PDB file of all heavy atoms in Angstrom:
ATOM      1  N   ALA A   1      77.061  91.241  47.099  1.00  0.00           N
ATOM      2  CA  ALA A   1      77.934  90.877  45.992  1.00  0.00           C
ATOM      3  C   ALA A   1      78.394  89.398  46.075  1.00  0.00           C
ATOM      4  O   ALA A   1      78.539  88.902  47.182  1.00  0.00           O
ATOM      5  CB  ALA A   1      79.120  91.764  45.910  1.00  0.00           C
ATOM      6  N   GLN A   2      78.599  88.873  44.958  1.00  0.00           N
ATOM      7  CA  GLN A   2      79.265  87.544  44.935  1.00  0.00           C
ATOM      8  C   GLN A   2      80.760  87.669  45.073  1.00  0.00           C
ATOM      9  O   GLN A   2      81.245  88.683  44.838  1.00  0.00           O
ATOM     10  CB  GLN A   2      78.907  86.861  43.581  1.00  0.00           C
ATOM     11  CG  GLN A   2      77.485  86.588  43.313  1.00  0.00           C
ATOM     12  CD  GLN A   2      77.266  85.967  41.783  1.00  0.00           C
ATOM     13  OE1 GLN A   2      78.138  86.109  40.989  1.00  0.00           O
ATOM     14  NE2 GLN A   2      76.130  85.412  41.640  1.00  0.00           N
ATOM     15  N   GLY A   3      81.404  86.650  45.667  1.00  0.00           N
ATOM     16  CA  GLY A   3      82.734  86.646  45.831  1.00  0.00           C
ATOM     17  C   GLY A   3      83.421  85.514  45.084  1.00  0.00           C
ATOM     18  O   GLY A   3      82.703  84.799  44.341  1.00  0.00           O
ATOM     19  N   MET A   4      84.716  85.291  45.275  1.00  0.00           N
ATOM     20  CA  MET A   4      85.387  84.147  44.652  1.00  0.00           C
ATOM     21  C   MET A   4      86.590  83.760  45.345  1.00  0.00           C
ATOM     22  O   MET A   4      87.231  84.559  46.112  1.00  0.00           O
ATOM     23  CB  MET A   4      85.692  84.476  43.163  1.00  0.00           C
ATOM     24  CG  MET A   4      86.859  85.474  42.928  1.00  0.00           C
ATOM     25  SD  MET A   4      87.231  85.589  41.135  1.00  0.00           S
ATOM     26  CE  MET A   4      88.569  86.875  41.276  1.00  0.00           C
ATOM     27  N   HIS A   5      87.100  82.474  45.162  1.00  0.00           N
ATOM     28  CA  HIS A   5      88.383  82.066  45.483  1.00  0.00           C
ATOM     29  C   HIS A   5      89.106  81.647  44.368  1.00  0.00           C
ATOM     30  O   HIS A   5      88.561  80.930  43.428  1.00  0.00           O
ATOM     31  CB  HIS A   5      88.375  80.984  46.531  1.00  0.00           C
ATOM     32  CG  HIS A   5      87.697  81.301  47.810  1.00  0.00           C
ATOM     33  ND1 HIS A   5      88.000  82.437  48.625  1.00  0.00           N
ATOM     34  CD2 HIS A   5      86.521  80.787  48.494  1.00  0.00           C
ATOM     35  CE1 HIS A   5      87.319  82.427  49.719  1.00  0.00           C
ATOM     36  NE2 HIS A   5      86.329  81.503  49.679  1.00  0.00           N
ATOM     37  N   LEU A   6      90.382  81.885  44.200  1.00  0.00           N
ATOM     38  CA  LEU A   6      91.211  81.268  43.141  1.00  0.00           C
ATOM     39  C   LEU A   6      92.489  80.761  43.821  1.00  0.00           C
ATOM     40  O   LEU A   6      93.203  81.368  44.520  1.00  0.00           O
ATOM     41  CB  LEU A   6      91.712  82.503  42.160  1.00  0.00           C
ATOM     42  CG  LEU A   6      90.816  82.874  41.018  1.00  0.00           C
ATOM     43  CD1 LEU A   6      91.457  84.046  40.329  1.00  0.00           C
ATOM     44  CD2 LEU A   6      90.570  81.726  40.074  1.00  0.00           C
ATOM     45  N   ILE A   7      92.635  79.346  43.578  1.00  0.00           N
ATOM     46  CA  ILE A   7      93.679  78.622  44.232  1.00  0.00           C
ATOM     47  C   ILE A   7      94.319  77.827  43.173  1.00  0.00           C
ATOM     48  O   ILE A   7      93.789  77.131  42.378  1.00  0.00           O
ATOM     49  CB  ILE A   7      93.107  77.685  45.279  1.00  0.00           C
ATOM     50  CG1 ILE A   7      92.344  78.538  46.283  1.00  0.00           C
ATOM     51  CG2 ILE A   7      94.301  76.955  45.937  1.00  0.00           C
ATOM     52  CD1 ILE A   7      91.524  77.556  47.362  1.00  0.00           C
ATOM     53  N   SER A   8      95.736  78.041  43.111  1.00  0.00           N
ATOM     54  CA  SER A   8      96.503  77.264  42.083  1.00  0.00           C
ATOM     55  C   SER A   8      96.335  75.767  42.313  1.00  0.00           C
ATOM     56  O   SER A   8      96.420  75.345  43.558  1.00  0.00           O
ATOM     57  CB  SER A   8      97.923  77.631  42.215  1.00  0.00           C
ATOM     58  OG  SER A   8      98.738  76.861  41.305  1.00  0.00           O
ATOM     59  N   THR A   9      96.276  74.925  41.324  1.00  0.00           N
ATOM     60  CA  THR A   9      96.154  73.474  41.392  1.00  0.00           C
ATOM     61  C   THR A   9      97.475  72.892  41.185  1.00  0.00           C
ATOM     62  O   THR A   9      97.564  71.664  40.991  1.00  0.00           O
ATOM     63  CB  THR A   9      95.026  72.945  40.492  1.00  0.00           C
ATOM     64  OG1 THR A   9      95.453  73.309  39.039  1.00  0.00           O
ATOM     65  CG2 THR A   9      93.671  73.495  40.742  1.00  0.00           C
ATOM     66  N   LYS A  10      98.582  73.592  41.036  1.00  0.00           N
ATOM     67  CA  LYS A  10      99.920  73.048  40.682  1.00  0.00           C
ATOM     68  C   LYS A  10     100.451  72.292  41.838  1.00  0.00           C
ATOM     69  O   LYS A  10     100.446  72.632  42.889  1.00  0.00           O
ATOM     70  CB  LYS A  10     100.785  74.331  40.357  1.00  0.00           C
ATOM     71  CG  LYS A  10     102.027  73.930  39.513  1.00  0.00           C
ATOM     72  CD  LYS A  10     102.822  75.129  39.156  1.00  0.00           C
ATOM     73  CE  LYS A  10     103.985  74.856  38.239  1.00  0.00           C
ATOM     74  NZ  LYS A  10     103.515  74.481  36.866  1.00  0.00           N
ATOM     75  N   MET A  11     100.949  71.017  41.563  1.00  0.00           N
ATOM     76  CA  MET A  11     101.534  70.160  42.508  1.00  0.00           C
ATOM     77  C   MET A  11     102.895  69.912  42.179  1.00  0.00           C
ATOM     78  O   MET A  11     103.662  69.234  42.991  1.00  0.00           O
ATOM     79  CB  MET A  11     100.664  68.875  42.565  1.00  0.00           C
ATOM     80  CG  MET A  11      99.234  69.155  43.118  1.00  0.00           C
ATOM     81  SD  MET A  11      98.374  67.471  43.322  1.00  0.00           S
ATOM     82  CE  MET A  11      99.329  66.611  44.566  1.00  0.00           C
ATOM     83  N   GLY A  12     103.354  70.213  40.937  1.00  0.00           N
ATOM     84  CA  GLY A  12     104.691  69.924  40.608  1.00  0.00           C
ATOM     85  C   GLY A  12     104.899  70.642  39.232  1.00  0.00           C
ATOM     86  O   GLY A  12     104.133  71.336  38.718  1.00  0.00           O
ATOM     87  N   MET A  13     105.983  70.253  38.584  1.00  0.00           N
ATOM     88  CA  MET A  13     106.305  70.891  37.217  1.00  0.00           C
ATOM     89  C   MET A  13     105.243  70.566  36.255  1.00  0.00           C
ATOM     90  O   MET A  13     104.778  71.396  35.400  1.00  0.00           O
ATOM     91  CB  MET A  13     107.697  70.417  36.712  1.00  0.00           C
ATOM     92  CG  MET A  13     108.108  71.194  35.494  1.00  0.00           C
ATOM     93  SD  MET A  13     108.337  72.941  35.693  1.00  0.00           S
ATOM     94  CE  MET A  13     109.859  72.943  36.727  1.00  0.00           C
ATOM     95  N   HIS A  14     104.709  69.348  36.311  1.00  0.00           N
ATOM     96  CA  HIS A  14     103.816  68.870  35.242  1.00  0.00           C
ATOM     97  C   HIS A  14     102.576  68.080  35.903  1.00  0.00           C
ATOM     98  O   HIS A  14     102.166  67.229  35.268  1.00  0.00           O
ATOM     99  CB  HIS A  14     104.494  67.922  34.251  1.00  0.00           C
ATOM    100  CG  HIS A  14     105.538  68.670  33.484  1.00  0.00           C
ATOM    101  ND1 HIS A  14     105.407  69.675  32.599  1.00  0.00           N
ATOM    102  CD2 HIS A  14     106.948  68.498  33.531  1.00  0.00           C
ATOM    103  CE1 HIS A  14     106.633  70.207  32.211  1.00  0.00           C
ATOM    104  NE2 HIS A  14     107.543  69.490  32.780  1.00  0.00           N
ATOM    105  N   SER A  15     102.208  68.520  37.110  1.00  0.00           N
ATOM    106  CA  SER A  15     101.082  67.700  37.650  1.00  0.00           C
ATOM    107  C   SER A  15     100.207  68.659  38.389  1.00  0.00           C
ATOM    108  O   SER A  15     100.651  69.759  38.853  1.00  0.00           O
ATOM    109  CB  SER A  15     101.636  66.694  38.717  1.00  0.00           C
ATOM    110  OG  SER A  15     102.349  67.272  39.743  1.00  0.00           O
ATOM    111  N   TRP A  16      98.844  68.251  38.454  1.00  0.00           N
ATOM    112  CA  TRP A  16      97.839  69.252  38.907  1.00  0.00           C
ATOM    113  C   TRP A  16      96.943  68.418  39.948  1.00  0.00           C
ATOM    114  O   TRP A  16      96.884  67.239  39.885  1.00  0.00           O
ATOM    115  CB  TRP A  16      97.001  69.780  37.823  1.00  0.00           C
ATOM    116  CG  TRP A  16      97.841  70.295  36.659  1.00  0.00           C
ATOM    117  CD1 TRP A  16      98.172  69.606  35.501  1.00  0.00           C
ATOM    118  CD2 TRP A  16      98.474  71.491  36.656  1.00  0.00           C
ATOM    119  NE1 TRP A  16      98.955  70.428  34.710  1.00  0.00           N
ATOM    120  CE2 TRP A  16      99.146  71.604  35.383  1.00  0.00           C
ATOM    121  CE3 TRP A  16      98.528  72.673  37.489  1.00  0.00           C
ATOM    122  CZ2 TRP A  16      99.930  72.755  35.029  1.00  0.00           C
ATOM    123  CZ3 TRP A  16      99.252  73.733  37.046  1.00  0.00           C
ATOM    124  CH2 TRP A  16      99.946  73.849  35.919  1.00  0.00           C
ATOM    125  N   MET A  17      96.162  69.107  40.693  1.00  0.00           N
ATOM    126  CA  MET A  17      95.269  68.457  41.648  1.00  0.00           C
ATOM    127  C   MET A  17      93.941  68.123  41.051  1.00  0.00           C
ATOM    128  O   MET A  17      92.953  68.005  41.756  1.00  0.00           O
ATOM    129  CB  MET A  17      95.014  69.545  42.779  1.00  0.00           C
ATOM    130  CG  MET A  17      96.197  69.823  43.734  1.00  0.00           C
ATOM    131  SD  MET A  17      95.831  70.707  45.204  1.00  0.00           S
ATOM    132  CE  MET A  17      95.187  72.285  44.493  1.00  0.00           C
ATOM    133  N   TYR A  18      93.862  67.896  39.814  1.00  0.00           N
ATOM    134  CA  TYR A  18      92.721  67.408  39.158  1.00  0.00           C
ATOM    135  C   TYR A  18      93.091  66.640  37.952  1.00  0.00           C
ATOM    136  O   TYR A  18      94.237  66.684  37.399  1.00  0.00           O
ATOM    137  CB  TYR A  18      91.822  68.640  38.641  1.00  0.00           C
ATOM    138  CG  TYR A  18      92.275  69.357  37.363  1.00  0.00           C
ATOM    139  CD1 TYR A  18      91.754  69.248  36.169  1.00  0.00           C
ATOM    140  CD2 TYR A  18      93.379  70.247  37.522  1.00  0.00           C
ATOM    141  CE1 TYR A  18      92.188  69.881  35.020  1.00  0.00           C
ATOM    142  CE2 TYR A  18      93.865  70.928  36.426  1.00  0.00           C
ATOM    143  CZ  TYR A  18      93.265  70.822  35.233  1.00  0.00           C
ATOM    144  OH  TYR A  18      93.725  71.484  34.003  1.00  0.00           O
ATOM    145  N   SER A  19      92.175  65.781  37.511  1.00  0.00           N
ATOM    146  CA  SER A  19      92.539  64.966  36.296  1.00  0.00           C
ATOM    147  C   SER A  19      92.281  65.757  35.030  1.00  0.00           C
ATOM    148  O   SER A  19      91.118  66.089  34.687  1.00  0.00           O
ATOM    149  CB  SER A  19      91.544  63.664  36.245  1.00  0.00           C
ATOM    150  OG  SER A  19      91.794  62.913  35.169  1.00  0.00           O
ATOM    151  N   ASN A  20      93.361  66.020  34.287  1.00  0.00           N
ATOM    152  CA  ASN A  20      93.121  66.840  33.134  1.00  0.00           C
ATOM    153  C   ASN A  20      93.264  66.029  31.831  1.00  0.00           C
ATOM    154  O   ASN A  20      93.419  66.677  30.747  1.00  0.00           O
ATOM    155  CB  ASN A  20      94.261  67.994  33.175  1.00  0.00           C
ATOM    156  CG  ASN A  20      95.689  67.376  33.088  1.00  0.00           C
ATOM    157  OD1 ASN A  20      95.997  66.250  33.330  1.00  0.00           O
ATOM    158  ND2 ASN A  20      96.627  68.205  32.554  1.00  0.00           N
ATOM    159  N   GLU A  21      93.124  64.771  31.870  1.00  0.00           N
ATOM    160  CA  GLU A  21      93.121  63.997  30.730  1.00  0.00           C
ATOM    161  C   GLU A  21      91.797  63.955  30.069  1.00  0.00           C
ATOM    162  O   GLU A  21      90.819  63.916  30.815  1.00  0.00           O
ATOM    163  CB  GLU A  21      93.588  62.539  31.024  1.00  0.00           C
ATOM    164  CG  GLU A  21      95.069  62.435  31.315  1.00  0.00           C
ATOM    165  CD  GLU A  21      95.520  61.016  31.560  1.00  0.00           C
ATOM    166  OE1 GLU A  21      94.673  60.179  31.226  1.00  0.00           O
ATOM    167  OE2 GLU A  21      96.571  60.741  31.917  1.00  0.00           O
ATOM    168  N   PHE A  22      91.623  64.098  28.815  1.00  0.00           N
ATOM    169  CA  PHE A  22      90.414  64.075  28.132  1.00  0.00           C
ATOM    170  C   PHE A  22      89.952  62.633  28.012  1.00  0.00           C
ATOM    171  O   PHE A  22      90.536  61.837  27.553  1.00  0.00           O
ATOM    172  CB  PHE A  22      90.497  64.684  26.685  1.00  0.00           C
ATOM    173  CG  PHE A  22      89.165  64.633  25.905  1.00  0.00           C
ATOM    174  CD1 PHE A  22      88.246  65.505  26.211  1.00  0.00           C
ATOM    175  CD2 PHE A  22      89.075  63.699  24.953  1.00  0.00           C
ATOM    176  CE1 PHE A  22      86.977  65.494  25.379  1.00  0.00           C
ATOM    177  CE2 PHE A  22      87.928  63.518  24.212  1.00  0.00           C
ATOM    178  CZ  PHE A  22      86.901  64.504  24.409  1.00  0.00           C
ATOM    179  N   ASN A  23      88.654  62.474  28.494  1.00  0.00           N
ATOM    180  CA  ASN A  23      88.053  61.094  28.483  1.00  0.00           C
ATOM    181  C   ASN A  23      87.066  61.115  27.255  1.00  0.00           C
ATOM    182  O   ASN A  23      86.017  61.801  27.260  1.00  0.00           O
ATOM    183  CB  ASN A  23      87.330  60.755  29.746  1.00  0.00           C
ATOM    184  CG  ASN A  23      86.812  59.344  29.874  1.00  0.00           C
ATOM    185  OD1 ASN A  23      86.307  58.814  28.863  1.00  0.00           O
ATOM    186  ND2 ASN A  23      87.046  58.677  30.976  1.00  0.00           N
ATOM    187  N   PRO A  24      87.326  60.233  26.233  1.00  0.00           N
ATOM    188  CA  PRO A  24      86.522  60.130  24.999  1.00  0.00           C
ATOM    189  C   PRO A  24      85.223  59.458  25.203  1.00  0.00           C
ATOM    190  O   PRO A  24      84.527  59.197  24.210  1.00  0.00           O
ATOM    191  CB  PRO A  24      87.468  59.526  23.996  1.00  0.00           C
ATOM    192  CG  PRO A  24      88.254  58.548  24.844  1.00  0.00           C
ATOM    193  CD  PRO A  24      88.461  59.240  26.147  1.00  0.00           C
ATOM    194  N   SER A  25      84.841  58.923  26.294  1.00  0.00           N
ATOM    195  CA  SER A  25      83.719  58.142  26.535  1.00  0.00           C
ATOM    196  C   SER A  25      82.429  58.786  26.108  1.00  0.00           C
ATOM    197  O   SER A  25      82.260  60.000  26.383  1.00  0.00           O
ATOM    198  CB  SER A  25      83.560  57.556  27.963  1.00  0.00           C
ATOM    199  OG  SER A  25      84.655  56.868  28.336  1.00  0.00           O
ATOM    200  N   PRO A  26      81.446  58.109  25.550  1.00  0.00           N
ATOM    201  CA  PRO A  26      80.194  58.728  25.164  1.00  0.00           C
ATOM    202  C   PRO A  26      79.394  58.804  26.479  1.00  0.00           C
ATOM    203  O   PRO A  26      79.622  58.291  27.586  1.00  0.00           O
ATOM    204  CB  PRO A  26      79.546  57.656  24.271  1.00  0.00           C
ATOM    205  CG  PRO A  26      80.135  56.359  24.581  1.00  0.00           C
ATOM    206  CD  PRO A  26      81.509  56.661  25.042  1.00  0.00           C
ATOM    207  N   ARG A  27      78.349  59.715  26.363  1.00  0.00           N
ATOM    208  CA  ARG A  27      77.404  59.892  27.490  1.00  0.00           C
ATOM    209  C   ARG A  27      76.845  58.602  27.959  1.00  0.00           C
ATOM    210  O   ARG A  27      76.324  57.830  27.133  1.00  0.00           O
ATOM    211  CB  ARG A  27      76.390  60.874  27.156  1.00  0.00           C
ATOM    212  CG  ARG A  27      75.362  61.193  28.258  1.00  0.00           C
ATOM    213  CD  ARG A  27      74.377  62.368  27.754  1.00  0.00           C
ATOM    214  NE  ARG A  27      73.277  62.485  28.583  1.00  0.00           N
ATOM    215  CZ  ARG A  27      72.935  63.622  29.314  1.00  0.00           C
ATOM    216  NH1 ARG A  27      73.768  64.606  29.279  1.00  0.00           N
ATOM    217  NH2 ARG A  27      71.861  63.584  30.004  1.00  0.00           N
TER     218      ARG A  27
END
């Protein structure tokens, strides 16, 4: 079987361990 990991990316009240801003740049 396949498995998985789920880890919270929460670093504070309003910050995350990834860049969650939408970048509008074209390909």
